[in-house]
Amino acid sequence: MKYYIIAGEASGDLHAANLIKALKQKDASAQIRAWGGDLMQEAGATLVKHYRELAFMGFWEVITNLKTILNNIAFCKKDIDEFQPDALIFIDYPGFNMRIAKWAKPRGIPTHYYISPQIWAWKENRINAIKRDVDEMYVILPFEKEFYEEKHKFPVHFVGHPLLDAIQNRASVSVEAFQKQHQLSELPIIALLPGSRKQEITKMLELMLKMTPHFPNYQFVIAGAPGQEDEFYQKFIGNQKVNFIKNKTYDLLSVAQAALVTSGTATLETALFNVPEVVCYKGNLISYHIAKRIVKLNYISLVNLIMDREVVKELIQDEFNEKQLQLELEKILSTEKRTEILADYQLLKKKLGGQGASEKTASLLLKSLKK
């Protein structure tokens, strides 16, 4: 069969890549064309556009890049028409994907959504478009099934969180081997995860790096995003004593003592590696004030959202400052706070369900197509 997959950011690239592998195991003749990233391409997809060309985050940023976005949508429709897929598979990225779904459904192309848009956070009225334009929905957070089925009477499949598989299936690395491979000192590591988009990195990294002189008994290591050039990070690093490692985020998390993490999927990844973290977020001022008025959430990190309480500290907008960041980092390096956080992480893992999200999704998708 022919599959057309659309992912718009680094986390989507990871999950889509694992889904591609599962589809290829179950369908030896699978032809896959995709919007995404390097991991999807490595898994066997023909890449149409890289997500680094698509990542516009925030209300103001979308408005100022509207022409590019509309051109991408038009190009995507044309490409789908020419490919004639048996199924369209959307990976999160709702602003773009829901427009494609609306166009595709009347044309008789089966529409499958893996990793739901976060309509439980904002734009809940998107449920009407989902009911109209999406044939099958595969959700990865435990509360989403109840949200869709009980509140909105829309049946969905809860497949568990794909990060459990991605982390479980990786090759382990020792602290000593990691330090030797990357020419690091023997000091304990604090990981800096400033995000995958240029906008995020620009707003986050400079302040994160201000922690280095406050913690001389630790070494700081920046996790470089796969879609960004090394030179982009260098203007923030300058002459500071900080290490930069690209495309090794999971290895880095597996050996880190603590982490400063930009809000997003990385907050959950960090927790699943049992690394105490401080969650950071600072957006464009206009975008932030718009979001504050319409987002219906008590928390911004997946860890706290899933647990429905504060497990990790979130420093948002004005609270994300040097003094507060230093204070919260000191806390998570203390034995008492670390013990408390790590116990909560174990409860978090139980809530996420078992492994096998990619395999379950591939099986359900193929079963639906064969009806």
Protein backbone atom coordinates (compact mmCIF):
# COMPACT_ATOMS: atom_id res chain seq x y z
CA MET A 1 0.00 0.00 0.00
CA LYS A 2 0.94 3.65 -0.37
CA TYR A 3 1.09 5.85 2.73
CA TYR A 4 1.51 9.63 2.95
CA ILE A 5 2.66 10.83 6.40
CA ILE A 6 2.86 14.42 7.64
CA ALA A 7 4.87 15.40 10.75
CA GLY A 8 5.91 18.98 11.47
CA GLU A 9 8.51 18.84 14.25
CA ALA A 10 11.27 16.77 15.86
CA SER A 11 9.05 14.73 18.19
CA GLY A 12 6.70 13.91 15.32
CA ASP A 13 9.69 12.81 13.26
CA LEU A 14 10.67 10.32 15.98
CA HIS A 15 7.21 8.83 16.41
CA ALA A 16 6.49 8.75 12.69
CA ALA A 17 9.83 6.97 12.07
CA ASN A 18 8.89 4.23 14.52
CA LEU A 19 5.45 3.93 12.92
CA ILE A 20 7.09 3.63 9.48
CA LYS A 21 9.25 0.76 10.76
CA ALA A 22 6.15 -0.99 12.13
CA LEU A 23 4.22 -0.48 8.88
CA LYS A 24 7.10 -1.87 6.83
CA GLN A 25 7.22 -4.97 9.02
CA LYS A 26 3.51 -5.60 8.45
CA ASP A 27 3.35 -4.45 4.82
CA ALA A 28 6.40 -5.51 2.81
CA SER A 29 5.22 -3.58 -0.24
CA ALA A 30 4.69 -0.30 1.66
CA GLN A 31 5.55 2.89 -0.26
CA ILE A 32 5.85 5.86 2.05
CA ARG A 33 6.08 9.53 1.12
CA ALA A 34 6.39 12.03 3.94
CA TRP A 35 6.86 15.48 5.37
CA GLY A 36 9.10 15.16 8.42
CA GLY A 37 12.73 14.74 9.27
CA ASP A 38 15.90 12.70 9.08
CA LEU A 39 14.59 9.83 11.21
CA MET A 40 11.62 9.27 8.89
CA GLN A 41 13.93 9.29 5.91
CA GLU A 42 16.26 6.77 7.60
CA ALA A 43 13.25 4.55 8.35
CA GLY A 44 12.49 4.34 4.63
CA ALA A 45 10.23 7.26 3.74
CA THR A 46 10.78 9.46 0.70
CA LEU A 47 11.07 12.92 2.26
CA VAL A 48 9.15 15.72 0.53
CA LYS A 49 9.88 18.58 2.95
CA HIS A 50 11.91 18.77 6.16
CA TYR A 51 10.14 19.96 9.30
CA ARG A 52 12.72 22.72 9.80
CA GLU A 53 10.99 24.49 6.88
CA LEU A 54 7.62 24.20 8.62
CA ALA A 55 8.22 25.04 12.28
CA PHE A 56 6.46 28.32 13.07
CA MET A 57 5.58 28.49 16.76
CA GLY A 58 3.21 31.03 18.31
CA PHE A 59 0.36 33.21 17.06
CA TRP A 60 2.50 36.14 15.92
CA GLU A 61 5.01 33.89 14.16
CA VAL A 62 2.25 32.14 12.22
CA ILE A 63 0.75 35.45 11.11
CA THR A 64 4.09 36.82 9.90
CA ASN A 65 4.85 33.60 7.97
CA LEU A 66 1.34 33.07 6.60
CA LYS A 67 2.34 33.24 2.93
CA THR A 68 4.93 30.47 3.37
CA ILE A 69 2.43 28.31 5.28
CA LEU A 70 -0.26 28.71 2.60
CA ASN A 71 2.25 27.88 -0.13
CA ASN A 72 3.25 24.74 1.77
CA ILE A 73 -0.40 23.66 2.09
CA ALA A 74 -1.00 24.14 -1.64
CA PHE A 75 2.16 22.21 -2.49
CA CYS A 76 1.21 19.39 -0.11
CA LYS A 77 -2.24 18.96 -1.71
CA LYS A 78 -0.68 18.82 -5.17
CA ASP A 79 1.88 16.25 -4.03
CA ILE A 80 -0.78 14.04 -2.44
CA ASP A 81 -2.86 14.21 -5.61
CA GLU A 82 0.10 13.02 -7.66
CA PHE A 83 1.05 10.24 -5.22
CA GLN A 84 -2.51 8.90 -4.77
CA PRO A 85 -1.97 7.28 -1.34
CA ASP A 86 -4.13 4.53 0.16
CA ALA A 87 -3.97 6.36 3.49
CA LEU A 88 -3.04 9.77 4.86
CA ILE A 89 -1.42 9.64 8.31
CA PHE A 90 -1.19 12.83 10.37
CA ILE A 91 1.24 13.16 13.27
CA ASP A 92 0.09 15.95 15.62
CA TYR A 93 0.87 19.37 13.92
CA PRO A 94 -2.85 20.28 13.75
CA GLY A 95 -2.79 23.76 12.18
CA PHE A 96 -1.44 22.25 8.98
CA ASN A 97 -2.77 18.70 9.19
CA MET A 98 -6.40 19.57 9.86
CA ARG A 99 -6.45 21.71 6.71
CA ILE A 100 -5.13 18.77 4.69
CA ALA A 101 -7.66 16.40 6.31
CA LYS A 102 -10.54 18.72 5.40
CA TRP A 103 -9.36 18.72 1.78
CA ALA A 104 -8.61 14.97 1.63
CA LYS A 105 -11.73 13.47 3.21
CA PRO A 106 -14.18 14.45 0.42
CA ARG A 107 -11.72 12.96 -2.06
CA GLY A 108 -12.12 9.55 -0.49
CA ILE A 109 -8.61 9.29 0.96
CA PRO A 110 -8.70 7.47 4.34
CA THR A 111 -7.52 9.86 7.07
CA HIS A 112 -5.70 8.56 10.15
CA TYR A 113 -4.51 10.77 13.02
CA TYR A 114 -1.71 9.43 15.22
CA ILE A 115 -1.01 11.63 18.26
CA SER A 116 -4.05 13.80 18.74
CA PRO A 117 -4.13 17.58 18.43
CA GLN A 118 -4.23 18.97 21.96
CA ILE A 119 -7.82 20.15 21.70
CA TRP A 120 -8.24 19.41 25.41
CA ALA A 121 -5.94 22.42 25.94
CA TRP A 122 -7.35 24.89 23.46
CA LYS A 123 -9.47 25.07 20.32
CA GLU A 124 -11.81 22.40 21.66
CA ASN A 125 -14.23 23.30 18.86
CA ARG A 126 -11.81 21.46 16.54
CA ILE A 127 -13.67 18.33 17.63
CA ASN A 128 -16.27 19.15 14.98
CA ALA A 129 -13.63 19.13 12.24
CA ILE A 130 -12.08 15.95 13.66
CA LYS A 131 -15.45 14.16 13.63
CA ARG A 132 -16.02 15.30 10.06
CA ASP A 133 -12.55 14.82 8.57
CA VAL A 134 -10.75 12.06 10.53
CA ASP A 135 -11.59 8.38 10.02
CA GLU A 136 -9.46 6.94 12.82
CA MET A 137 -7.73 8.59 15.80
CA TYR A 138 -4.91 6.98 17.79
CA VAL A 139 -4.29 8.73 21.12
CA ILE A 140 -1.20 8.40 23.33
CA LEU A 141 -2.20 10.07 26.62
CA PRO A 142 -4.45 8.21 29.07
CA PHE A 143 -6.88 11.08 29.67
CA GLU A 144 -7.45 11.63 25.93
CA LYS A 145 -9.59 8.51 25.49
CA GLU A 146 -12.02 9.70 28.16
CA PHE A 147 -11.98 13.22 26.71
CA TYR A 148 -12.92 12.05 23.21
CA GLU A 149 -15.27 9.19 24.01
CA GLU A 150 -17.11 10.37 27.11
CA LYS A 151 -17.18 14.11 26.53
CA HIS A 152 -17.44 14.19 22.72
CA LYS A 153 -18.80 10.73 21.78
CA PHE A 154 -15.99 10.17 19.27
CA PRO A 155 -14.40 6.70 19.43
CA VAL A 156 -10.60 6.62 19.53
CA HIS A 157 -7.85 4.05 20.08
CA PHE A 158 -5.57 4.47 23.14
CA VAL A 159 -2.28 2.88 22.03
CA GLY A 160 0.05 3.96 24.85
CA HIS A 161 2.86 6.48 24.55
CA PRO A 162 5.43 5.82 21.79
CA LEU A 163 8.21 7.35 23.87
CA LEU A 164 8.16 4.23 26.05
CA ASP A 165 9.24 2.21 23.01
CA ALA A 166 11.72 4.75 21.71
CA ILE A 167 13.50 4.88 25.05
CA GLN A 168 13.31 1.16 25.81
CA ASN A 169 14.66 0.16 22.38
CA ARG A 170 17.74 2.37 22.40
CA ALA A 171 21.22 1.01 23.08
CA SER A 172 22.39 1.90 26.59
CA VAL A 173 25.54 3.92 27.23
CA SER A 174 27.59 4.22 30.43
CA VAL A 175 28.54 7.55 31.97
CA GLU A 176 32.23 6.75 31.52
CA ALA A 177 31.82 5.79 27.85
CA PHE A 178 29.78 8.92 27.15
CA GLN A 179 32.33 11.19 28.83
CA LYS A 180 35.18 9.55 26.94
CA GLN A 181 33.40 9.61 23.56
CA HIS A 182 32.60 13.32 23.83
CA GLN A 183 35.80 14.36 25.63
CA LEU A 184 33.97 15.51 28.75
CA SER A 185 35.34 15.85 32.27
CA GLU A 186 34.31 13.56 35.13
CA LEU A 187 32.07 16.21 36.69
CA PRO A 188 28.35 15.30 36.93
CA ILE A 189 26.31 16.51 33.94
CA ILE A 190 23.49 19.03 33.76
CA ALA A 191 21.72 18.76 30.39
CA LEU A 192 20.36 21.82 28.59
CA LEU A 193 17.48 21.13 26.20
CA PRO A 194 16.56 24.51 24.68
CA GLY A 195 14.13 23.11 22.08
CA SER A 196 14.29 22.19 18.41
CA ARG A 197 13.11 25.41 16.74
CA LYS A 198 15.26 28.49 16.20
CA GLN A 199 12.65 30.64 17.96
CA GLU A 200 12.76 28.48 21.10
CA ILE A 201 16.53 28.15 21.19
CA THR A 202 17.00 31.90 20.78
CA LYS A 203 14.71 32.66 23.73
CA MET A 204 15.86 29.84 26.03
CA LEU A 205 19.54 29.08 25.61
CA GLU A 206 21.07 32.40 26.60
CA LEU A 207 19.39 32.33 30.02
CA MET A 208 20.06 28.61 30.54
CA LEU A 209 23.77 29.26 29.96
CA LYS A 210 23.79 31.85 32.75
CA MET A 211 23.64 28.93 35.19
CA THR A 212 27.18 27.74 34.39
CA PRO A 213 29.09 30.05 36.81
CA HIS A 214 26.63 29.27 39.63
CA PHE A 215 27.34 25.53 39.53
CA PRO A 216 31.13 25.06 39.22
CA ASN A 217 30.97 21.44 40.43
CA TYR A 218 28.93 20.41 37.39
CA GLN A 219 29.49 20.46 33.64
CA PHE A 220 26.75 21.74 31.35
CA VAL A 221 26.01 20.01 28.05
CA ILE A 222 23.71 21.43 25.36
CA ALA A 223 21.58 18.95 23.44
CA GLY A 224 21.77 20.10 19.82
CA ALA A 225 18.61 19.58 17.76
CA PRO A 226 19.01 17.51 14.58
CA GLY A 227 17.42 20.14 12.36
CA GLN A 228 19.73 23.03 13.33
CA GLU A 229 23.27 23.93 12.22
CA ASP A 230 26.12 23.85 14.74
CA GLU A 231 26.98 27.47 13.89
CA PHE A 232 23.56 28.62 15.11
CA TYR A 233 24.39 27.46 18.66
CA GLN A 234 27.89 28.88 18.63
CA LYS A 235 26.71 32.49 18.78
CA PHE A 236 25.10 31.72 22.16
CA ILE A 237 27.99 29.64 23.48
CA GLY A 238 30.78 32.07 22.58
CA ASN A 239 33.77 31.50 24.87
CA GLN A 240 31.81 29.90 27.71
CA LYS A 241 32.93 26.60 29.19
CA VAL A 242 30.01 24.53 28.01
CA ASN A 243 29.82 21.40 25.88
CA PHE A 244 27.67 20.97 22.77
CA ILE A 245 26.56 17.54 21.55
CA LYS A 246 24.26 17.07 18.59
CA ASN A 247 21.84 14.22 17.81
CA LYS A 248 22.59 12.42 21.10
CA THR A 249 19.82 13.74 23.34
CA TYR A 250 18.79 10.31 24.65
CA ASP A 251 22.38 9.35 25.42
CA LEU A 252 22.82 12.69 27.19
CA LEU A 253 19.66 12.26 29.27
CA SER A 254 20.69 8.73 30.22
CA VAL A 255 23.81 10.09 31.97
CA ALA A 256 22.57 13.48 33.26
CA GLN A 257 22.05 14.40 36.91
CA ALA A 258 19.52 17.13 36.11
CA ALA A 259 18.14 19.05 33.15
CA LEU A 260 16.76 22.43 32.12
CA VAL A 261 14.14 21.70 29.49
CA THR A 262 12.05 23.84 27.16
CA SER A 263 8.36 22.95 27.40
CA GLY A 264 7.30 20.28 24.93
CA THR A 265 7.74 16.54 24.39
CA ALA A 266 11.26 16.78 25.85
CA THR A 267 9.77 17.30 29.32
CA LEU A 268 8.25 13.81 29.17
CA GLU A 269 11.38 12.28 27.61
CA THR A 270 13.45 13.71 30.46
CA ALA A 271 11.10 12.22 33.04
CA LEU A 272 11.17 8.79 31.39
CA PHE A 273 14.97 8.86 31.73
CA ASN A 274 14.51 9.57 35.47
CA VAL A 275 16.21 12.97 35.27
CA PRO A 276 14.93 15.69 37.64
CA GLU A 277 14.14 18.76 35.58
CA VAL A 278 13.07 22.38 35.55
CA VAL A 279 10.64 23.16 32.72
CA CYS A 280 11.21 26.49 30.99
CA TYR A 281 9.11 28.52 28.60
CA LYS A 282 9.31 32.05 27.23
CA GLY A 283 7.48 33.04 24.08
CA ASN A 284 6.86 36.12 21.98
CA LEU A 285 5.05 38.59 24.28
CA ILE A 286 2.03 38.95 21.98
CA SER A 287 1.75 35.18 21.45
CA TYR A 288 2.09 34.55 25.19
CA HIS A 289 -0.71 36.93 26.18
CA ILE A 290 -3.01 35.53 23.50
CA ALA A 291 -2.26 31.96 24.62
CA LYS A 292 -2.77 32.84 28.28
CA ARG A 293 -6.32 33.94 27.53
CA ILE A 294 -7.38 30.92 25.50
CA VAL A 295 -5.41 27.91 26.77
CA LYS A 296 -7.41 26.04 29.41
CA LEU A 297 -4.62 24.28 31.28
CA ASN A 298 -3.18 24.42 34.78
CA TYR A 299 0.23 23.23 33.53
CA ILE A 300 2.32 23.38 30.36
CA SER A 301 4.52 20.30 30.79
CA LEU A 302 3.31 16.83 29.83
CA VAL A 303 4.62 15.45 33.12
CA ASN A 304 2.36 17.68 35.21
CA LEU A 305 -0.58 17.39 32.81
CA ILE A 306 -0.58 13.60 32.95
CA MET A 307 -0.15 13.53 36.74
CA ASP A 308 -2.64 16.42 37.16
CA ARG A 309 -0.40 18.05 39.77
CA GLU A 310 2.97 19.77 39.98
CA VAL A 311 5.67 17.13 39.81
CA VAL A 312 8.27 19.34 38.10
CA LYS A 313 8.64 23.09 38.46
CA GLU A 314 7.52 25.22 35.50
CA LEU A 315 9.11 28.63 34.98
CA ILE A 316 6.94 30.49 32.50
CA GLN A 317 7.58 33.90 30.88
CA ASP A 318 8.61 36.40 33.59
CA GLU A 319 9.29 33.62 36.12
CA PHE A 320 11.89 32.28 33.70
CA ASN A 321 14.72 34.48 34.99
CA GLU A 322 18.24 33.91 36.26
CA LYS A 323 17.41 34.07 39.98
CA GLN A 324 14.46 31.68 39.81
CA LEU A 325 16.24 29.26 37.50
CA GLN A 326 19.23 29.07 39.82
CA LEU A 327 16.97 28.47 42.83
CA GLU A 328 15.00 25.67 41.16
CA LEU A 329 18.12 23.99 39.78
CA GLU A 330 19.64 23.97 43.28
CA LYS A 331 16.46 22.28 44.56
CA ILE A 332 16.46 19.42 42.05
CA LEU A 333 20.14 18.75 42.74
CA SER A 334 19.34 18.20 46.44
CA THR A 335 18.81 14.62 47.61
CA GLU A 336 15.39 15.22 49.20
CA LYS A 337 13.81 16.83 46.12
CA ARG A 338 15.39 14.30 43.74
CA THR A 339 13.93 11.39 45.74
CA GLU A 340 10.47 12.98 45.62
CA ILE A 341 10.60 13.62 41.87
CA LEU A 342 11.93 10.14 41.01
CA ALA A 343 9.10 8.50 43.00
CA ASP A 344 6.57 10.55 41.04
CA TYR A 345 8.23 9.54 37.76
CA GLN A 346 7.50 5.87 38.54
CA LEU A 347 3.82 6.69 38.99
CA LEU A 348 3.90 8.61 35.71
CA LYS A 349 5.23 5.59 33.82
CA LYS A 350 2.42 3.40 35.14
CA LYS A 351 -0.16 5.90 33.90
CA LEU A 352 1.25 5.87 30.38
CA GLY A 353 0.34 2.24 29.71
CA GLY A 354 2.59 -0.43 28.25
CA GLN A 355 4.94 -0.51 25.33
CA GLY A 356 4.09 -1.20 21.70
CA ALA A 357 2.37 2.03 20.59
CA SER A 358 3.84 1.98 17.08
CA GLU A 359 3.05 -1.69 16.53
CA LYS A 360 -0.52 -1.31 17.86
CA THR A 361 -1.14 1.74 15.67
CA ALA A 362 0.21 0.01 12.55
CA SER A 363 -1.99 -3.05 13.20
CA LEU A 364 -5.12 -0.97 13.79
CA LEU A 365 -4.41 1.18 10.73
CA LEU A 366 -3.99 -1.82 8.41
CA LYS A 367 -7.07 -3.50 9.86
CA SER A 368 -9.07 -0.35 9.11
CA LEU A 369 -7.78 -0.17 5.52
CA LYS A 370 -8.65 -3.82 4.86
CA LYS A 371 -12.32 -3.41 5.87
